[in-house]
Amino acid sequence: MCEWQIQDPMMKHLDIAAKKFIGEVDSQDEWSDGIHPEKFFVHTDSYKIICEKSTLFIFGRRGTGKTAVVQMLNYEIQSQKRKEYTYSRIINQEDAYHDLAIQVRNSPLANFPVEELVHTLKKKWLWAIEVSGMISILNEDTIPDIKKTAIIGYLKTLGFLKGKRKKYKVFSILAESLAGELEKIDNTPAKVGAALFRFGNKIFNKDFDSAQDELYNILEEEKKTCLVLIDSIERYNLKDKIAKSVIGGLIQALLEIYHDRKKGLYAKAAFPSEILRHMNPSNWGKTDDKLHIINWRYKDLIKLVAKRYYRFIINQNARINSINKYNDEKVALDFFYNYFPKTIEAKSGIEIDTMSYIISHTQKKPRQLIHLINAILTFAETENKEITNLDDETIINGTHILLDSLFKETIQIYQQIYPNAYDLVKRTLSEAEAYFDYKELDVKLKEINSLLKNNTEMIEITKEDVKNLLIESGILGIAREKHKLSNEKNILIALFEYQIKGTLTLNNASLCVIHPMFYQVFQIYSDMNTYVYPKPADEDEGLMLNKTIDMN
């Protein structure tokens, strides 16, 4: 017998903002503010795969730690903690993506076919990667200047070495040079070739050839390797030909660099995995064995929380040896339960492992977990409770109080793929049941007819697109198994798209399940006799869930 109850947003303390008790939710901020995030970085199995020379493409959903991975790999190379590479440098993909896209969009290049644009932009990416390699060699004090005269000369001609504080904004130089040539012509496609030729002579000249030879000679003679890391950006307009061409050019450049890896230069790039199914497959080439999707396991997330809780709450001056003991998941879990109760009673009346409860309200993203722990501790402080001795009520209320911001972060990256994504999802699922038959989804989609007709961005969006959006974003999943408990309660296990590599497909037999993270955002009617749990993705989490089933 179902007992439905609407999950209204918490009104108490709705105006609070989560304090940074266990650190920033944005990795870039942590690497910029001097708190040494390398001390509490979690070396996951995913990270080991990413470090391999054959991994070129790093994919992860927004908030899974792509920037942290790039920053940590760069740190470990520069501090000589890794043996695979000698030198490294990070390129900001956001600068590249926007600088190149703007220059192409405002020129006759915009009329080129996609294949020709990808080829043109691939050369720009190759240049940027090789110049970044030159800058790494330039900054290596153990190599005398006499050995890198061509590199110094070429970088001077580009204007990199002006002033006391050297700024190496590679794509600014590239975009300015390209813009300078394109501005000299009118909007006549026939003249574009001449402009590109002049641009090529300016960038790919004899000085570049000499510097390029010198770069590879140094790497070969010194038996060194250089890795160029290209960090991800948060938003891509994948309905746009030019934006897709910029990414396509990068992919082809990475493949070409890898084919010539004997020269000692390597490159890796990070992308949000939300864009995977929206890319043209022809852009990818043979990438399956060179692509890795970041995966966080249950024990990884326990280590993440334990290390951060210890570093920020217990001992802000902790030495790395003290923090490293939490690389053992049992030690990490025991530590966590010194300050959090081992189990809590959920609103449904089911007793559940506390860490499992919190993680089930995330999509297994470190950023979301940090946000929720910060929210719990902030709520405890607001209620004048000890943040090192938390009770059930504080954890449940703290987990739910700021979940709306996690929804906004989840849906934001889809805004440029599906116009009105935010409104489409909220209108479809507002006050829906926590689980329902697939045929009911079509009934719910009638609510969005007006939004589909009033699409101001003139991009055709259908109801099938909205179904795809609900699945892709991990908001809607599919029921997989149901466990009846002794107290007439149930645990319903559902599979969500973010847990697998591929795409879930809805069909007439599907029981659709809304992710627990979104209950209060959409004011969902929850079955108080049923607890929805995302399907465990690894053995450790499966054991914890089995304990919960046994307890009840």
Protein backbone atom coordinates (compact mmCIF):
# COMPACT_ATOMS: atom_id res chain seq x y z
CA MET A 1 0.00 0.00 0.00
CA CYS A 2 1.53 3.32 -1.07
CA GLU A 3 1.47 6.29 1.27
CA TRP A 4 2.14 9.37 -0.86
CA GLN A 5 3.40 12.60 0.70
CA ILE A 6 4.54 15.77 -1.10
CA GLN A 7 8.13 16.85 -0.46
CA ASP A 8 7.82 20.61 -0.05
CA PRO A 9 11.03 22.71 0.10
CA MET A 10 12.33 23.37 3.60
CA MET A 11 11.28 26.87 4.61
CA LYS A 12 13.44 27.05 7.71
CA HIS A 13 16.83 28.69 7.03
CA LEU A 14 16.11 28.66 3.29
CA ASP A 15 18.15 31.85 3.00
CA ILE A 16 21.40 30.35 4.30
CA ALA A 17 24.44 29.80 2.09
CA ALA A 18 26.68 26.81 2.70
CA LYS A 19 29.97 27.71 4.37
CA LYS A 20 33.19 26.14 3.10
CA PHE A 21 33.62 23.81 6.08
CA ILE A 22 35.37 21.03 4.12
CA GLY A 23 36.59 23.18 1.24
CA GLU A 24 35.48 24.76 -2.01
CA VAL A 25 33.07 23.09 -4.39
CA ASP A 26 35.10 24.60 -7.25
CA SER A 27 38.47 22.88 -7.63
CA GLN A 28 39.96 25.81 -9.55
CA ASP A 29 39.41 28.04 -6.51
CA GLU A 30 41.17 25.59 -4.21
CA TRP A 31 44.20 25.35 -6.48
CA SER A 32 44.37 29.15 -6.58
CA ASP A 33 44.04 30.03 -2.90
CA GLY A 34 47.11 28.29 -1.46
CA ILE A 35 45.46 25.64 0.75
CA HIS A 36 47.51 22.85 -0.91
CA PRO A 37 44.70 20.62 -2.22
CA GLU A 38 47.32 18.07 -3.31
CA LYS A 39 47.47 17.02 0.37
CA PHE A 40 43.92 15.67 0.38
CA PHE A 41 43.59 14.59 -3.25
CA VAL A 42 42.13 11.08 -3.65
CA HIS A 43 44.15 8.88 -6.01
CA THR A 44 41.33 6.88 -7.57
CA ASP A 45 41.62 4.07 -10.11
CA SER A 46 40.31 6.58 -12.67
CA TYR A 47 43.24 8.87 -11.93
CA LYS A 48 45.71 6.04 -12.59
CA ILE A 49 44.16 5.43 -16.01
CA ILE A 50 44.15 9.14 -16.82
CA CYS A 51 47.91 9.34 -16.13
CA GLU A 52 48.68 6.65 -18.71
CA LYS A 53 50.25 7.96 -21.91
CA SER A 54 47.61 6.27 -24.05
CA THR A 55 44.72 8.18 -22.39
CA LEU A 56 44.08 11.30 -24.48
CA PHE A 57 40.46 12.16 -23.72
CA ILE A 58 39.30 12.63 -20.12
CA PHE A 59 35.52 12.69 -19.79
CA GLY A 60 33.53 13.37 -16.66
CA ARG A 61 30.21 14.92 -15.80
CA ARG A 62 30.27 18.42 -14.47
CA GLY A 63 31.52 18.28 -10.88
CA THR A 64 33.34 14.93 -11.13
CA GLY A 65 36.76 16.52 -10.69
CA LYS A 66 38.19 17.04 -14.21
CA THR A 67 39.95 20.26 -13.19
CA ALA A 68 41.26 18.65 -9.98
CA VAL A 69 42.69 15.77 -12.03
CA VAL A 70 44.38 18.13 -14.50
CA GLN A 71 45.78 20.32 -11.71
CA MET A 72 47.03 17.32 -9.69
CA LEU A 73 48.71 15.68 -12.67
CA ASN A 74 50.41 18.97 -13.51
CA TYR A 75 51.51 19.36 -9.86
CA GLU A 76 52.91 15.82 -9.63
CA ILE A 77 54.87 16.20 -12.86
CA GLN A 78 56.31 19.57 -11.90
CA SER A 79 57.27 18.30 -8.43
CA GLN A 80 58.83 15.21 -10.05
CA LYS A 81 56.46 12.79 -8.32
CA ARG A 82 55.54 11.10 -11.61
CA LYS A 83 57.98 9.32 -13.91
CA GLU A 84 55.87 9.17 -17.10
CA TYR A 85 56.51 12.84 -17.96
CA THR A 86 59.29 15.36 -17.32
CA TYR A 87 57.55 18.66 -18.06
CA SER A 88 53.94 19.78 -18.15
CA ARG A 89 51.82 22.79 -18.89
CA ILE A 90 48.08 23.55 -18.67
CA ILE A 91 46.20 25.29 -21.48
CA ASN A 92 42.93 26.98 -20.55
CA GLN A 93 40.43 25.49 -23.00
CA GLU A 94 37.92 28.21 -22.21
CA ASP A 95 40.23 30.88 -23.67
CA ALA A 96 40.87 28.70 -26.70
CA TYR A 97 37.26 27.72 -27.23
CA HIS A 98 35.90 31.26 -27.10
CA ASP A 99 38.82 33.04 -28.80
CA LEU A 100 38.80 30.70 -31.78
CA ALA A 101 35.00 30.52 -32.02
CA ILE A 102 34.66 34.32 -31.96
CA GLN A 103 37.28 34.84 -34.69
CA VAL A 104 35.73 32.21 -36.94
CA ARG A 105 32.15 33.37 -36.32
CA ASN A 106 32.93 36.96 -37.30
CA SER A 107 34.65 36.02 -40.55
CA PRO A 108 33.96 34.28 -43.89
CA LEU A 109 35.46 31.14 -42.31
CA ALA A 110 32.00 30.61 -40.78
CA ASN A 111 30.77 29.58 -44.23
CA PHE A 112 33.30 26.75 -44.58
CA PRO A 113 31.99 23.15 -44.46
CA VAL A 114 32.51 21.47 -41.07
CA GLU A 115 35.27 19.18 -42.37
CA GLU A 116 37.31 22.11 -43.68
CA LEU A 117 36.80 24.10 -40.48
CA VAL A 118 37.93 21.13 -38.36
CA HIS A 119 41.07 20.77 -40.50
CA THR A 120 41.84 24.51 -40.26
CA LEU A 121 41.31 24.60 -36.50
CA LYS A 122 43.29 21.40 -35.96
CA LYS A 123 46.40 23.27 -37.19
CA LYS A 124 45.74 26.06 -34.68
CA TRP A 125 45.48 23.54 -31.84
CA LEU A 126 48.68 21.78 -32.95
CA TRP A 127 50.49 25.11 -32.95
CA ALA A 128 49.19 25.93 -29.44
CA ILE A 129 50.25 22.54 -28.07
CA GLU A 130 53.74 22.78 -29.58
CA VAL A 131 54.21 26.38 -28.40
CA SER A 132 53.12 25.29 -24.90
CA GLY A 133 55.83 22.62 -25.10
CA MET A 134 58.35 25.30 -26.07
CA ILE A 135 57.31 27.42 -23.07
CA SER A 136 57.86 24.41 -20.76
CA ILE A 137 61.38 23.98 -22.17
CA LEU A 138 62.03 27.72 -21.91
CA ASN A 139 61.20 27.63 -18.19
CA GLU A 140 63.51 24.66 -17.52
CA ASP A 141 66.59 26.11 -15.79
CA THR A 142 68.70 22.97 -16.21
CA ILE A 143 68.75 23.47 -19.99
CA PRO A 144 71.18 26.29 -20.91
CA ASP A 145 69.85 29.16 -23.03
CA ILE A 146 72.39 28.37 -25.75
CA LYS A 147 70.44 25.16 -26.43
CA LYS A 148 67.12 26.97 -26.80
CA THR A 149 68.05 30.08 -28.79
CA ALA A 150 65.54 29.31 -31.57
CA ILE A 151 62.73 28.85 -29.04
CA ILE A 152 63.62 32.10 -27.26
CA GLY A 153 63.82 33.94 -30.58
CA TYR A 154 60.46 32.67 -31.83
CA LEU A 155 58.63 33.34 -28.55
CA LYS A 156 60.06 36.88 -28.56
CA THR A 157 58.66 37.53 -32.04
CA LEU A 158 55.24 36.48 -30.74
CA GLY A 159 55.48 38.94 -27.85
CA PHE A 160 55.51 36.33 -25.07
CA LEU A 161 58.67 37.58 -23.37
CA LYS A 162 57.77 41.25 -22.92
CA GLY A 163 58.09 42.79 -19.47
CA LYS A 164 59.27 41.33 -16.19
CA ARG A 165 56.16 39.21 -15.69
CA LYS A 166 55.96 36.87 -18.65
CA LYS A 167 52.39 36.02 -19.63
CA TYR A 168 51.90 33.08 -21.95
CA LYS A 169 48.36 33.50 -23.28
CA VAL A 170 48.87 31.27 -26.26
CA PHE A 171 45.40 31.57 -27.75
CA SER A 172 45.27 35.34 -27.36
CA ILE A 173 48.28 35.58 -29.67
CA LEU A 174 46.74 33.12 -32.09
CA ALA A 175 43.31 34.80 -32.15
CA GLU A 176 44.76 38.30 -32.51
CA SER A 177 46.96 37.25 -35.44
CA LEU A 178 44.08 35.49 -37.16
CA ALA A 179 41.75 38.45 -36.57
CA GLY A 180 44.36 40.85 -37.94
CA GLU A 181 44.44 39.05 -41.28
CA LEU A 182 40.70 38.43 -41.54
CA GLU A 183 39.96 42.10 -40.84
CA LYS A 184 41.92 43.07 -43.94
CA ILE A 185 39.41 41.43 -46.26
CA ASP A 186 35.74 41.99 -46.97
CA ASN A 187 33.23 39.20 -46.58
CA THR A 188 34.33 37.49 -49.78
CA PRO A 189 35.04 33.77 -49.33
CA ALA A 190 37.47 33.80 -52.25
CA LYS A 191 39.81 36.06 -50.26
CA VAL A 192 39.83 33.87 -47.15
CA GLY A 193 42.51 31.59 -48.59
CA ALA A 194 44.88 34.52 -49.05
CA ALA A 195 44.22 35.72 -45.48
CA LEU A 196 44.92 32.25 -44.07
CA PHE A 197 48.09 32.09 -46.15
CA ARG A 198 49.32 35.40 -44.68
CA PHE A 199 48.33 34.23 -41.19
CA GLY A 200 50.26 31.01 -41.77
CA ASN A 201 53.36 32.93 -42.85
CA LYS A 202 53.16 34.99 -39.68
CA ILE A 203 52.76 32.06 -37.27
CA PHE A 204 54.16 29.06 -39.14
CA ASN A 205 57.31 30.74 -40.48
CA LYS A 206 60.98 29.74 -40.60
CA ASP A 207 61.44 30.88 -36.99
CA PHE A 208 58.65 28.49 -35.97
CA ASP A 209 60.25 25.64 -37.91
CA SER A 210 63.56 26.23 -36.15
CA ALA A 211 61.93 26.46 -32.72
CA GLN A 212 59.90 23.31 -33.45
CA ASP A 213 63.06 21.39 -34.44
CA GLU A 214 64.80 22.64 -31.32
CA LEU A 215 61.90 21.53 -29.10
CA TYR A 216 61.97 17.97 -30.39
CA ASN A 217 65.78 17.81 -30.46
CA ILE A 218 65.96 18.81 -26.79
CA LEU A 219 63.30 16.25 -25.80
CA GLU A 220 65.14 13.53 -27.76
CA GLU A 221 68.67 14.40 -26.63
CA GLU A 222 67.67 14.84 -22.99
CA LYS A 223 65.37 11.79 -23.17
CA LYS A 224 62.56 13.89 -21.73
CA THR A 225 58.81 14.00 -22.24
CA CYS A 226 56.46 16.99 -22.10
CA LEU A 227 52.73 16.77 -21.41
CA VAL A 228 50.33 19.55 -22.40
CA LEU A 229 47.05 19.40 -20.44
CA ILE A 230 43.95 21.09 -21.82
CA ASP A 231 41.40 21.72 -19.08
CA SER A 232 37.67 21.47 -19.70
CA ILE A 233 35.09 24.23 -19.80
CA GLU A 234 31.61 24.02 -18.35
CA ARG A 235 29.44 24.92 -21.33
CA TYR A 236 29.56 24.05 -25.01
CA ASN A 237 27.03 25.12 -27.61
CA LEU A 238 26.76 21.82 -29.44
CA LYS A 239 23.92 22.95 -31.69
CA ASP A 240 26.43 25.33 -33.27
CA LYS A 241 28.61 24.25 -36.21
CA ILE A 242 31.54 26.49 -35.25
CA ALA A 243 31.64 25.37 -31.63
CA LYS A 244 31.58 21.73 -32.70
CA SER A 245 34.38 22.44 -35.19
CA VAL A 246 36.61 23.94 -32.48
CA ILE A 247 36.20 20.75 -30.42
CA GLY A 248 36.60 18.59 -33.53
CA GLY A 249 39.87 20.36 -34.35
CA LEU A 250 41.16 19.69 -30.83
CA ILE A 251 40.29 16.00 -31.05
CA GLN A 252 42.09 15.61 -34.37
CA ALA A 253 45.12 17.52 -33.03
CA LEU A 254 45.38 15.21 -29.99
CA LEU A 255 45.28 12.15 -32.23
CA GLU A 256 47.99 13.58 -34.49
CA ILE A 257 50.24 14.44 -31.53
CA TYR A 258 49.79 10.90 -30.22
CA HIS A 259 50.73 9.35 -33.57
CA ASP A 260 54.06 11.25 -33.33
CA ARG A 261 54.57 10.50 -29.62
CA LYS A 262 58.09 9.19 -30.20
CA LYS A 263 59.09 12.85 -30.44
CA GLY A 264 58.43 13.19 -26.70
CA LEU A 265 55.42 15.54 -26.78
CA TYR A 266 52.08 14.38 -25.37
CA ALA A 267 48.71 16.05 -24.87
CA LYS A 268 45.48 15.27 -23.01
CA ALA A 269 42.18 17.15 -22.93
CA ALA A 270 39.24 17.07 -20.53
CA PHE A 271 35.62 17.30 -21.64
CA PRO A 272 32.24 17.11 -19.88
CA SER A 273 30.75 13.70 -20.64
CA GLU A 274 27.34 15.36 -21.09
CA ILE A 275 28.47 16.29 -24.62
CA LEU A 276 29.48 12.76 -25.70
CA ARG A 277 26.27 11.72 -27.40
CA HIS A 278 25.87 15.14 -29.06
CA MET A 279 29.18 15.09 -30.90
CA ASN A 280 29.38 14.00 -34.52
CA PRO A 281 30.98 10.51 -34.40
CA SER A 282 33.17 11.34 -37.42
CA ASN A 283 34.98 13.90 -35.24
CA TRP A 284 36.19 11.29 -32.83
CA GLY A 285 38.28 9.05 -35.07
CA LYS A 286 39.50 5.88 -33.40
CA THR A 287 39.24 7.07 -29.82
CA ASP A 288 37.66 4.21 -27.86
CA ASP A 289 40.97 2.95 -26.49
CA LYS A 290 42.15 6.50 -25.76
CA LEU A 291 39.08 7.72 -23.88
CA HIS A 292 38.36 7.43 -20.16
CA ILE A 293 35.23 8.43 -18.26
CA ILE A 294 35.90 9.46 -14.65
CA ASN A 295 34.28 7.07 -12.21
CA TRP A 296 33.94 7.65 -8.47
CA ARG A 297 33.37 4.58 -6.32
CA TYR A 298 31.75 4.51 -2.89
CA LYS A 299 35.08 4.02 -1.09
CA ASP A 300 36.64 6.92 -3.05
CA LEU A 301 33.92 9.27 -1.81
CA ILE A 302 34.42 8.08 1.79
CA LYS A 303 38.15 8.89 1.51
CA LEU A 304 37.30 12.29 0.01
CA VAL A 305 35.07 13.23 2.95
CA ALA A 306 37.40 11.82 5.62
CA LYS A 307 40.48 13.62 4.31
CA ARG A 308 38.66 16.92 3.98
CA TYR A 309 36.86 16.67 7.32
CA TYR A 310 40.14 15.93 9.07
CA ARG A 311 42.05 18.70 7.22
CA PHE A 312 39.47 21.49 7.59
CA ILE A 313 37.60 20.64 10.82
CA ILE A 314 40.02 18.66 12.98
CA ASN A 315 43.54 19.74 12.02
CA GLN A 316 44.07 22.58 9.57
CA ASN A 317 47.85 22.22 9.87
CA ALA A 318 47.79 18.50 9.18
CA ARG A 319 50.87 17.04 7.56
CA ILE A 320 50.48 14.87 4.51
CA ASN A 321 51.40 11.68 6.43
CA SER A 322 48.52 12.27 8.83
CA ILE A 323 46.06 12.79 5.99
CA ASN A 324 47.35 9.83 3.96
CA LYS A 325 46.18 7.32 6.54
CA TYR A 326 42.67 7.95 5.20
CA ASN A 327 43.69 6.35 1.91
CA ASP A 328 42.55 3.18 3.68
CA GLU A 329 38.76 3.12 3.25
CA LYS A 330 38.17 1.27 6.55
CA VAL A 331 40.20 3.86 8.49
CA ALA A 332 38.36 6.61 6.60
CA LEU A 333 34.92 5.17 7.36
CA ASP A 334 35.72 4.61 11.05
CA PHE A 335 36.93 8.21 11.26
CA PHE A 336 33.76 9.51 9.57
CA TYR A 337 31.59 7.66 12.10
CA ASN A 338 33.40 9.31 15.00
CA TYR A 339 31.50 12.48 14.07
CA PHE A 340 28.43 11.24 12.17
CA PRO A 341 25.98 8.56 13.38
CA LYS A 342 26.49 5.18 11.70
CA THR A 343 22.86 5.00 10.65
CA ILE A 344 19.94 7.39 10.47
CA GLU A 345 16.20 6.92 10.11
CA ALA A 346 15.10 8.40 6.78
CA LYS A 347 11.75 10.19 6.38
CA SER A 348 10.32 6.91 5.10
CA GLY A 349 11.10 5.25 8.45
CA ILE A 350 13.82 3.05 6.99
CA GLU A 351 17.11 2.82 8.89
CA ILE A 352 19.99 3.44 6.49
CA ASP A 353 23.76 3.82 6.58
CA THR A 354 24.45 7.57 6.96
CA MET A 355 27.07 7.89 4.22
CA SER A 356 24.86 5.87 1.85
CA TYR A 357 21.97 8.22 2.65
CA ILE A 358 23.99 11.34 1.82
CA ILE A 359 25.54 9.84 -1.34
CA SER A 360 22.11 8.71 -2.57
CA HIS A 361 21.18 12.40 -2.76
CA THR A 362 24.04 13.06 -5.18
CA GLN A 363 24.97 11.76 -8.62
CA LYS A 364 28.27 10.43 -7.26
CA LYS A 365 30.00 13.75 -7.99
CA PRO A 366 32.65 14.99 -5.51
CA ARG A 367 31.48 18.57 -5.98
CA GLN A 368 27.93 17.63 -4.95
CA LEU A 369 29.10 15.61 -1.95
CA ILE A 370 31.31 18.48 -0.71
CA HIS A 371 28.33 20.81 -1.15
CA LEU A 372 26.02 18.55 0.90
CA ILE A 373 28.51 18.02 3.75
CA ASN A 374 29.07 21.79 3.85
CA ALA A 375 25.28 22.30 3.91
CA ILE A 376 24.83 19.79 6.77
CA LEU A 377 27.55 21.47 8.85
CA THR A 378 26.18 24.94 8.07
CA PHE A 379 22.68 23.84 9.13
CA ALA A 380 24.11 22.37 12.35
CA GLU A 381 25.88 25.65 13.16
CA THR A 382 22.72 27.64 12.40
CA GLU A 383 20.81 25.41 14.81
CA ASN A 384 23.55 25.87 17.46
CA LYS A 385 24.53 22.20 17.32
CA GLU A 386 28.02 20.75 17.51
CA ILE A 387 29.47 20.14 14.05
CA THR A 388 31.52 17.26 15.43
CA ASN A 389 28.54 15.44 16.95
CA LEU A 390 25.67 15.35 14.48
CA ASP A 391 22.24 13.78 14.91
CA ASP A 392 19.73 12.27 12.43
CA GLU A 393 17.54 15.36 12.13
CA THR A 394 20.49 17.65 11.37
CA ILE A 395 21.81 15.32 8.66
CA ILE A 396 18.42 14.87 6.99
CA ASN A 397 17.50 18.56 7.08
CA GLY A 398 21.01 19.68 6.14
CA THR A 399 21.06 17.29 3.19
CA HIS A 400 17.83 18.73 1.78
CA ILE A 401 18.13 22.42 2.54
CA LEU A 402 20.22 23.46 -0.49
CA LEU A 403 19.48 20.76 -3.07
CA ASP A 404 18.01 23.34 -5.47
CA SER A 405 21.51 24.59 -6.31
CA LEU A 406 22.55 21.05 -7.28
CA PHE A 407 19.64 20.89 -9.72
CA LYS A 408 20.68 24.19 -11.31
CA GLU A 409 24.25 22.94 -11.70
CA THR A 410 23.04 19.65 -13.18
CA ILE A 411 20.79 21.27 -15.77
CA GLN A 412 22.95 24.28 -16.69
CA ILE A 413 25.23 22.46 -19.12
CA TYR A 414 22.17 21.31 -21.11
CA GLN A 415 20.84 24.85 -21.59
CA GLN A 416 22.78 25.26 -24.84
CA ILE A 417 21.81 21.80 -26.08
CA TYR A 418 18.12 22.01 -25.20
CA PRO A 419 16.83 25.61 -25.03
CA ASN A 420 14.62 26.21 -21.98
CA ALA A 421 16.02 23.02 -20.39
CA TYR A 422 15.45 24.35 -16.87
CA ASP A 423 11.79 25.20 -17.46
CA LEU A 424 11.12 22.07 -19.53
CA VAL A 425 12.27 19.77 -16.74
CA LYS A 426 10.54 21.64 -13.92
CA ARG A 427 7.26 21.92 -15.82
CA THR A 428 7.28 18.22 -16.72
CA LEU A 429 8.06 16.81 -13.28
CA SER A 430 6.56 19.39 -10.91
CA GLU A 431 4.46 17.56 -8.26
CA ALA A 432 4.98 14.22 -10.01
CA GLU A 433 5.11 10.89 -8.20
CA ALA A 434 8.54 9.56 -7.23
CA TYR A 435 7.99 6.67 -9.64
CA PHE A 436 5.42 6.10 -12.40
CA ASP A 437 4.74 4.00 -15.50
CA TYR A 438 6.30 5.10 -18.77
CA LYS A 439 2.89 5.76 -20.37
CA GLU A 440 2.29 8.47 -17.73
CA LEU A 441 5.34 10.40 -18.98
CA ASP A 442 3.47 11.37 -22.15
CA VAL A 443 0.67 12.76 -20.01
CA LYS A 444 3.15 14.83 -18.00
CA LEU A 445 4.76 16.12 -21.19
CA LYS A 446 1.50 17.83 -22.19
CA GLU A 447 2.46 20.48 -19.65
CA ILE A 448 5.30 21.70 -21.88
CA ASN A 449 3.39 22.27 -25.16
CA SER A 450 3.50 26.03 -24.73
CA LEU A 451 7.24 26.01 -24.01
CA LEU A 452 7.95 24.01 -27.18
CA LYS A 453 5.93 26.45 -29.29
CA ASN A 454 7.50 29.57 -27.74
CA ASN A 455 11.12 28.55 -28.25
CA THR A 456 12.89 31.89 -28.80
CA GLU A 457 16.16 30.29 -29.91
CA MET A 458 14.51 28.80 -33.01
CA ILE A 459 16.01 25.36 -32.36
CA GLU A 460 13.48 22.59 -32.84
CA ILE A 461 12.83 20.72 -29.60
CA THR A 462 10.45 17.78 -29.49
CA LYS A 463 8.93 15.79 -26.66
CA GLU A 464 11.37 12.99 -27.48
CA ASP A 465 14.19 15.50 -26.91
CA VAL A 466 12.74 16.28 -23.48
CA LYS A 467 12.64 12.56 -22.64
CA ASN A 468 16.29 12.34 -23.67
CA LEU A 469 17.08 15.36 -21.49
CA LEU A 470 15.44 13.76 -18.45
CA ILE A 471 17.45 10.56 -18.93
CA GLU A 472 20.77 12.20 -19.94
CA SER A 473 20.79 14.56 -16.97
CA GLY A 474 20.29 11.68 -14.52
CA ILE A 475 17.04 13.16 -13.24
CA LEU A 476 14.95 10.24 -14.46
CA GLY A 477 16.05 6.62 -14.17
CA ILE A 478 14.56 3.16 -14.62
CA ALA A 479 13.58 0.79 -11.79
CA ARG A 480 15.70 -2.35 -11.67
CA GLU A 481 14.78 -4.27 -8.48
CA LYS A 482 12.58 -3.97 -5.41
CA HIS A 483 13.36 -5.32 -1.95
CA LYS A 484 10.51 -5.86 0.52
CA LEU A 485 11.53 -5.24 4.13
CA SER A 486 10.14 -6.81 7.29
CA ASN A 487 8.36 -3.62 8.37
CA GLU A 488 6.22 -3.49 5.18
CA LYS A 489 8.62 -0.96 3.70
CA ASN A 490 10.46 -1.28 0.38
CA ILE A 491 13.78 -0.29 -1.15
CA LEU A 492 13.45 0.45 -4.86
CA ILE A 493 16.76 0.32 -6.73
CA ALA A 494 16.94 2.35 -9.94
CA LEU A 495 19.56 2.74 -12.65
CA PHE A 496 20.47 6.23 -13.85
CA GLU A 497 22.35 7.33 -16.95
CA TYR A 498 25.26 8.90 -15.02
CA GLN A 499 26.15 5.45 -13.64
CA ILE A 500 26.89 3.81 -16.98
CA LYS A 501 28.71 4.39 -20.25
CA GLY A 502 25.95 4.54 -22.82
CA THR A 503 22.38 5.66 -22.90
CA LEU A 504 19.44 4.26 -20.99
CA THR A 505 16.39 3.72 -23.17
CA LEU A 506 12.83 4.11 -21.98
CA ASN A 507 10.18 1.75 -23.31
CA ASN A 508 6.59 0.78 -22.56
CA ALA A 509 7.73 -1.67 -19.87
CA SER A 510 9.78 0.94 -17.99
CA LEU A 511 8.96 2.06 -14.49
CA CYS A 512 10.33 5.62 -14.44
CA VAL A 513 12.01 6.73 -11.20
CA ILE A 514 12.93 10.28 -10.18
CA HIS A 515 16.33 10.65 -8.51
CA PRO A 516 16.03 11.44 -4.75
CA MET A 517 18.22 14.51 -5.21
CA PHE A 518 15.33 16.29 -6.96
CA TYR A 519 12.36 15.52 -4.70
CA GLN A 520 12.17 18.91 -2.98
CA VAL A 521 13.13 20.90 -6.09
CA PHE A 522 10.14 19.46 -7.99
CA GLN A 523 7.92 19.02 -4.87
CA ILE A 524 7.63 15.33 -5.64
CA TYR A 525 4.98 13.06 -4.15
CA SER A 526 7.08 10.45 -2.39
CA ASP A 527 5.87 7.00 -1.40
CA MET A 528 6.67 7.04 2.31
CA ASN A 529 6.80 3.25 2.37
CA THR A 530 9.45 3.11 -0.36
CA TYR A 531 13.02 4.39 -0.32
CA VAL A 532 14.52 4.98 -3.78
CA TYR A 533 18.24 4.17 -4.00
CA PRO A 534 20.44 4.60 -7.11
CA LYS A 535 21.83 1.21 -8.13
CA PRO A 536 25.16 0.50 -6.37
CA ALA A 537 27.99 0.79 -8.87
CA ASP A 538 30.63 -1.16 -6.94
CA GLU A 539 30.97 -3.96 -4.41
CA ASP A 540 31.56 -1.72 -1.38
CA GLU A 541 28.38 0.24 -1.93
CA GLY A 542 26.49 -2.99 -2.63
CA LEU A 543 27.59 -4.39 0.73
CA MET A 544 26.44 -1.22 2.50
CA LEU A 545 23.05 -1.42 0.82
CA ASN A 546 22.73 -5.10 1.76
CA LYS A 547 23.42 -4.13 5.39
CA THR A 548 20.59 -1.62 5.18
CA ILE A 549 18.26 -4.28 3.79
CA ASP A 550 19.31 -6.73 6.53
CA MET A 551 18.85 -4.09 9.27
CA ASN A 552 15.26 -3.56 8.18
